[in-house]
Amino acid sequence: MVVSPTYGAMPVGKFYETLFADTLSADVKVRSIYRATCDASRWIAHFDYRWARRSVPEVAVQIIDLFEIQDGLIHELRIVFA
């Protein structure tokens, strides 16, 4: 499951399908990546994100993604605009 401020809550596959169809261009600069000390399946990524989408102005924001990984795949993702 992905929870996104832009698209709401949806299954991971549907989220990426929607994101890729909506994106004209994107630029990502990773600031930091952290792994939880108490649970190796939980990760956090902090990055700068410049995103051009169809029918809306380009945005430049900092984003924090909270990941839960299972069997090498994203099981849950929560996106936070910082």
Protein backbone atom coordinates (compact mmCIF):
# COMPACT_ATOMS: atom_id res chain seq x y z
CA MET A 1 0.00 0.00 0.00
CA VAL A 2 1.18 3.52 -0.81
CA VAL A 3 -0.12 6.61 0.94
CA SER A 4 0.66 9.70 -1.13
CA PRO A 5 -0.32 13.35 -0.57
CA THR A 6 -0.92 13.60 -4.33
CA TYR A 7 -2.76 10.36 -5.16
CA GLY A 8 -4.11 9.16 -1.81
CA ALA A 9 -3.94 5.52 -0.72
CA MET A 10 -3.60 2.78 -3.34
CA PRO A 11 -1.80 -0.52 -3.99
CA VAL A 12 1.92 -0.21 -4.80
CA GLY A 13 1.61 -1.36 -8.44
CA LYS A 14 -1.30 0.99 -9.17
CA PHE A 15 0.55 3.89 -7.52
CA TYR A 16 3.62 3.51 -9.74
CA GLU A 17 1.49 2.99 -12.84
CA THR A 18 -0.37 6.24 -12.07
CA LEU A 19 2.82 8.12 -11.16
CA PHE A 20 4.65 7.14 -14.36
CA ALA A 21 1.65 7.97 -16.57
CA ASP A 22 1.32 11.39 -14.93
CA THR A 23 5.03 12.34 -14.91
CA LEU A 24 6.62 14.38 -17.70
CA SER A 25 9.99 14.63 -15.93
CA ALA A 26 11.45 14.19 -12.47
CA ASP A 27 14.79 14.94 -10.84
CA VAL A 28 15.73 13.35 -7.53
CA LYS A 29 18.69 14.29 -5.31
CA VAL A 30 19.09 11.92 -2.37
CA ARG A 31 20.01 13.66 0.90
CA SER A 32 20.00 10.66 3.27
CA ILE A 33 18.88 7.05 3.58
CA TYR A 34 18.30 5.42 6.98
CA ARG A 35 17.50 1.89 8.14
CA ALA A 36 15.61 1.32 11.37
CA THR A 37 17.77 -0.16 14.10
CA CYS A 38 14.90 -2.22 15.50
CA ASP A 39 13.51 -3.59 12.21
CA ALA A 40 15.66 -4.19 9.10
CA SER A 41 12.58 -4.07 6.83
CA ARG A 42 11.93 -0.37 7.60
CA TRP A 43 13.77 2.39 5.72
CA ILE A 44 13.55 6.16 5.34
CA ALA A 45 14.73 8.20 2.35
CA HIS A 46 15.04 12.00 2.45
CA PHE A 47 15.48 13.75 -0.89
CA ASP A 48 14.92 16.83 -3.01
CA TYR A 49 12.34 16.23 -5.72
CA ARG A 50 11.60 18.35 -8.79
CA TRP A 51 8.54 17.02 -10.60
CA ALA A 52 6.81 18.07 -13.81
CA ARG A 53 3.34 16.55 -14.26
CA ARG A 54 0.65 16.79 -16.87
CA SER A 55 -1.77 19.73 -16.43
CA VAL A 56 -0.20 21.18 -13.26
CA PRO A 57 2.76 23.48 -12.55
CA GLU A 58 6.16 21.93 -11.79
CA VAL A 59 6.91 21.46 -8.09
CA ALA A 60 10.19 21.42 -6.20
CA VAL A 61 9.92 19.95 -2.69
CA GLN A 62 11.76 17.94 -0.09
CA ILE A 63 10.22 14.52 0.40
CA ILE A 64 10.57 11.90 3.11
CA ASP A 65 9.55 8.37 2.15
CA LEU A 66 8.89 5.76 4.81
CA PHE A 67 9.35 2.26 3.35
CA GLU A 68 8.56 -1.21 4.57
CA ILE A 69 10.28 -3.87 2.46
CA GLN A 70 9.15 -7.52 2.29
CA ASP A 71 10.82 -10.17 0.12
CA GLY A 72 12.90 -7.46 -1.58
CA LEU A 73 9.84 -5.44 -2.69
CA ILE A 74 8.07 -2.37 -1.37
CA HIS A 75 5.25 -3.62 0.82
CA GLU A 76 4.24 -0.25 2.22
CA LEU A 77 5.27 3.32 1.38
CA ARG A 78 4.19 6.55 3.03
CA ILE A 79 5.21 9.79 1.27
CA VAL A 80 5.57 13.00 3.28
CA PHE A 81 6.21 16.43 1.75
CA ALA A 82 8.63 18.21 4.09
